[in-house]
Each structure stands twice: as structure tokens, then as C-alpha cells.
């Protein structure tokens, strides 16, 4: 699940989607050589809870007809066990949003579960850095920094 949050002067709102796809290749938690991480989000599925706001966001700002997907591609740089079956991870790679690709490093957690991992992370994205105009709805201005929260389940392939 991707949850993006905007802190606007008059209203806070979330954009939520469950449409995340990707993979993680990891030999073991002790061997970080040759690991890979990729995930993508279909931005046409972001839902703010108001249809008109969804259309404006997709059509006027995210331009989802042209830039439908956002993705991150990178690798795990560090894993540290913080409690049994729970690990703090640092990843580094490239994030692509709105046709702009930037280097990025983020931290998060991996919780080992029976059939894989639950991954959680949060980080900020500056809309101007990705050439996204700052949305303005009537007299309400949206924060130029979006707080992204991601949680997804990585299943073992047998």
C-alpha cells in the first residue's frame, strides 16, 4: 500500500493505492552481494476519497496519461536486526516520478513472516524536484513536499 499525505493550510488528505508491484532478490539476510530491489506504483489508482480531486491530481499534476507509473530500482545497502525477525534496512537506488529520475537513499524495516517479508518505509518527495506543479484547489494551496508511506508484502517464490 502506498499512502501519500499532503499537509495543506485548510485540509489534510491522503492518496492511497494497493496497486504496487515489484520484487526483491536477496540471497540471505547475511549476504548482501548481488541483491536487487524494484517496485512500481500505478499512479492512476491513487485515491484521495474525492473523485474530482482524483481527476485533477491525475490529469493536471501527475499527468498519468504520460507518466502512469512511478518506480524505485536499487539495492539493500545495510541490514541490521533490531529485534527477533525485524530488521532495519537502508536502500539506495533511483526513483523515477513524472519522467524525472533521481538518486535516493531511504531507511525502513523488513519484518520476516512465514511466507516472506513485510516491508515498511516512509520518506518525503519534493514535487518541484520531479517537475510537478504545486496543486492549488480554489484558495487552498497544497504542500510542495509529499510524505510517502509504503507498506507491502514480499512473498517467497518457491
Protein backbone atom coordinates (compact mmCIF):
# COMPACT_ATOMS: atom_id res chain seq x y z
CA UNK A 1 0.00 0.00 0.00
CA UNK A 2 1.20 3.47 -0.84
CA UNK A 3 -0.12 6.33 1.22
CA UNK A 4 0.83 9.85 0.22
CA UNK A 5 -0.03 12.66 2.59
CA UNK A 6 -0.33 16.37 1.93
CA UNK A 7 -0.41 18.93 4.70
CA UNK A 8 -2.36 21.84 3.28
CA UNK A 9 -3.33 25.01 5.18
CA UNK A 10 -7.03 24.15 5.25
CA UNK A 11 -7.21 20.41 4.70
CA UNK A 12 -5.04 17.33 5.08
CA UNK A 13 -5.69 14.41 2.76
CA UNK A 14 -4.27 11.04 1.79
CA UNK A 15 -3.86 9.45 -1.61
CA UNK A 16 -3.92 5.67 -1.18
CA UNK A 17 -3.39 2.73 -3.52
CA UNK A 18 -2.90 -1.00 -3.13
CA UNK A 19 -1.52 -1.28 -6.65
CA UNK A 20 2.20 -1.88 -6.00
CA UNK A 21 4.17 -4.48 -7.92
CA UNK A 22 7.80 -5.47 -7.73
CA UNK A 23 10.40 -7.86 -6.42
CA UNK A 24 13.34 -8.23 -4.07
CA UNK A 25 16.21 -10.57 -4.81
CA UNK A 26 18.25 -11.39 -1.71
CA UNK A 27 20.48 -14.45 -1.26
CA UNK A 28 20.19 -14.24 2.52
CA UNK A 29 19.94 -11.64 5.26
CA UNK A 30 23.68 -12.06 5.86
CA UNK A 31 24.77 -11.88 2.19
CA UNK A 32 24.05 -8.53 0.56
CA UNK A 33 26.12 -9.24 -2.55
CA UNK A 34 24.17 -9.01 -5.77
CA UNK A 35 20.83 -8.10 -4.16
CA UNK A 36 18.20 -6.21 -6.14
CA UNK A 37 15.02 -4.32 -5.28
CA UNK A 38 12.38 -2.97 -7.67
CA UNK A 39 8.86 -1.73 -7.16
CA UNK A 40 6.42 0.32 -9.15
CA UNK A 41 3.15 2.07 -8.40
CA UNK A 42 0.34 2.67 -10.88
CA UNK A 43 -0.49 6.32 -10.19
CA UNK A 44 -3.87 6.04 -11.93
CA UNK A 45 -5.01 4.05 -8.91
CA UNK A 46 -4.25 6.73 -6.28
CA UNK A 47 -7.47 7.58 -4.46
CA UNK A 48 -7.89 10.69 -2.31
CA UNK A 49 -11.51 9.92 -1.46
CA UNK A 50 -12.94 12.65 -3.72
CA UNK A 51 -13.45 11.85 -7.42
CA UNK A 52 -12.98 15.43 -8.67
CA UNK A 53 -9.75 15.84 -6.68
CA UNK A 54 -8.56 12.45 -8.07
CA UNK A 55 -9.18 13.59 -11.66
CA UNK A 56 -7.44 16.94 -11.12
CA UNK A 57 -4.47 15.25 -9.45
CA UNK A 58 -4.11 12.61 -12.19
CA UNK A 59 -4.82 14.85 -15.20
CA UNK A 60 -3.36 18.23 -14.25
CA UNK A 61 -0.43 17.44 -11.94
CA UNK A 62 0.73 13.82 -12.15
CA UNK A 63 -0.17 13.66 -15.86
CA UNK A 64 -0.84 9.94 -15.57
CA UNK A 65 -1.66 9.52 -19.27
CA UNK A 66 2.00 10.31 -19.95
CA UNK A 67 3.61 9.17 -16.65
CA UNK A 68 1.41 6.34 -15.43
CA UNK A 69 3.98 4.59 -13.24
CA UNK A 70 6.47 5.68 -10.63
CA UNK A 71 9.21 3.25 -9.72
CA UNK A 72 12.21 2.65 -7.49
CA UNK A 73 15.13 0.46 -8.52
CA UNK A 74 18.06 -0.19 -6.24
CA UNK A 75 19.62 -2.46 -3.68
CA UNK A 76 19.83 -3.04 0.04
CA UNK A 77 22.97 -1.40 1.41
CA UNK A 78 22.66 -2.42 5.05
CA UNK A 79 20.57 -4.77 7.21
CA UNK A 80 20.61 -4.62 10.99
CA UNK A 81 18.49 -6.84 13.23
CA UNK A 82 16.66 -4.64 15.76
CA UNK A 83 14.64 -7.44 17.34
CA UNK A 84 13.77 -11.03 16.50
CA UNK A 85 12.63 -11.22 12.84
CA UNK A 86 12.60 -7.40 12.50
CA UNK A 87 15.35 -5.65 10.57
CA UNK A 88 16.20 -2.04 9.84
CA UNK A 89 17.32 -1.71 6.23
CA UNK A 90 18.93 1.03 4.19
CA UNK A 91 18.31 1.00 0.45
CA UNK A 92 19.87 3.11 -2.28
CA UNK A 93 18.97 3.47 -5.90
CA UNK A 94 16.97 5.59 -8.27
CA UNK A 95 13.39 6.76 -8.03
CA UNK A 96 11.51 7.89 -11.12
CA UNK A 97 8.45 10.12 -10.84
CA UNK A 98 6.83 12.19 -13.59
CA UNK A 99 9.62 11.33 -16.04
CA UNK A 100 12.37 12.56 -13.71
CA UNK A 101 14.85 10.08 -12.20
CA UNK A 102 16.85 10.93 -9.08
CA UNK A 103 19.22 9.10 -6.77
CA UNK A 104 17.65 8.23 -3.46
CA UNK A 105 18.53 6.57 -0.16
CA UNK A 106 15.88 5.53 2.35
CA UNK A 107 15.57 3.51 5.52
CA UNK A 108 12.78 1.20 6.52
CA UNK A 109 12.01 -2.12 8.14
CA UNK A 110 11.67 -5.70 6.98
CA UNK A 111 9.65 -8.00 9.18
CA UNK A 112 10.20 -11.66 8.46
CA UNK A 113 6.91 -13.57 8.26
CA UNK A 114 6.10 -17.18 7.35
CA UNK A 115 5.95 -16.68 3.59
CA UNK A 116 8.24 -13.66 3.12
CA UNK A 117 8.61 -10.15 4.49
CA UNK A 118 6.50 -7.12 5.31
CA UNK A 119 8.40 -4.03 4.13
CA UNK A 120 7.66 -0.56 5.53
CA UNK A 121 9.24 2.78 4.78
CA UNK A 122 8.40 6.44 4.65
CA UNK A 123 10.14 9.35 3.00
CA UNK A 124 9.43 12.80 1.63
CA UNK A 125 9.19 13.72 -2.04
CA UNK A 126 9.51 17.33 -3.15
CA UNK A 127 7.11 17.90 -6.06
CA UNK A 128 9.28 20.62 -7.70
CA UNK A 129 12.24 18.19 -7.74
CA UNK A 130 10.17 16.00 -10.09
CA UNK A 131 8.80 18.90 -12.17
CA UNK A 132 5.30 18.54 -10.74
CA UNK A 133 3.41 21.79 -10.38
CA UNK A 134 2.17 22.53 -6.87
CA UNK A 135 -1.56 21.83 -6.92
CA UNK A 136 -3.87 24.65 -5.89
CA UNK A 137 -7.54 23.92 -5.35
CA UNK A 138 -9.60 27.11 -5.26
CA UNK A 139 -7.99 29.11 -2.42
CA UNK A 140 -6.22 26.11 -0.84
CA UNK A 141 -2.54 25.50 -1.61
CA UNK A 142 -1.10 22.00 -1.27
CA UNK A 143 2.24 21.41 0.44
CA UNK A 144 5.07 21.02 -2.08
CA UNK A 145 6.50 18.09 -0.08
CA UNK A 146 4.53 14.85 -0.06
CA UNK A 147 5.07 12.42 2.79
CA UNK A 148 5.03 8.91 1.30
CA UNK A 149 4.36 5.85 3.41
CA UNK A 150 4.76 2.43 1.85
CA UNK A 151 3.86 -0.96 3.23
CA UNK A 152 3.92 -4.07 1.11
CA UNK A 153 4.23 -7.84 1.40
CA UNK A 154 7.11 -9.60 -0.34
CA UNK A 155 6.30 -13.30 -0.82
CA UNK A 156 8.90 -16.03 -1.19
CA UNK A 157 8.93 -17.68 -4.62
CA UNK A 158 9.33 -21.41 -4.44
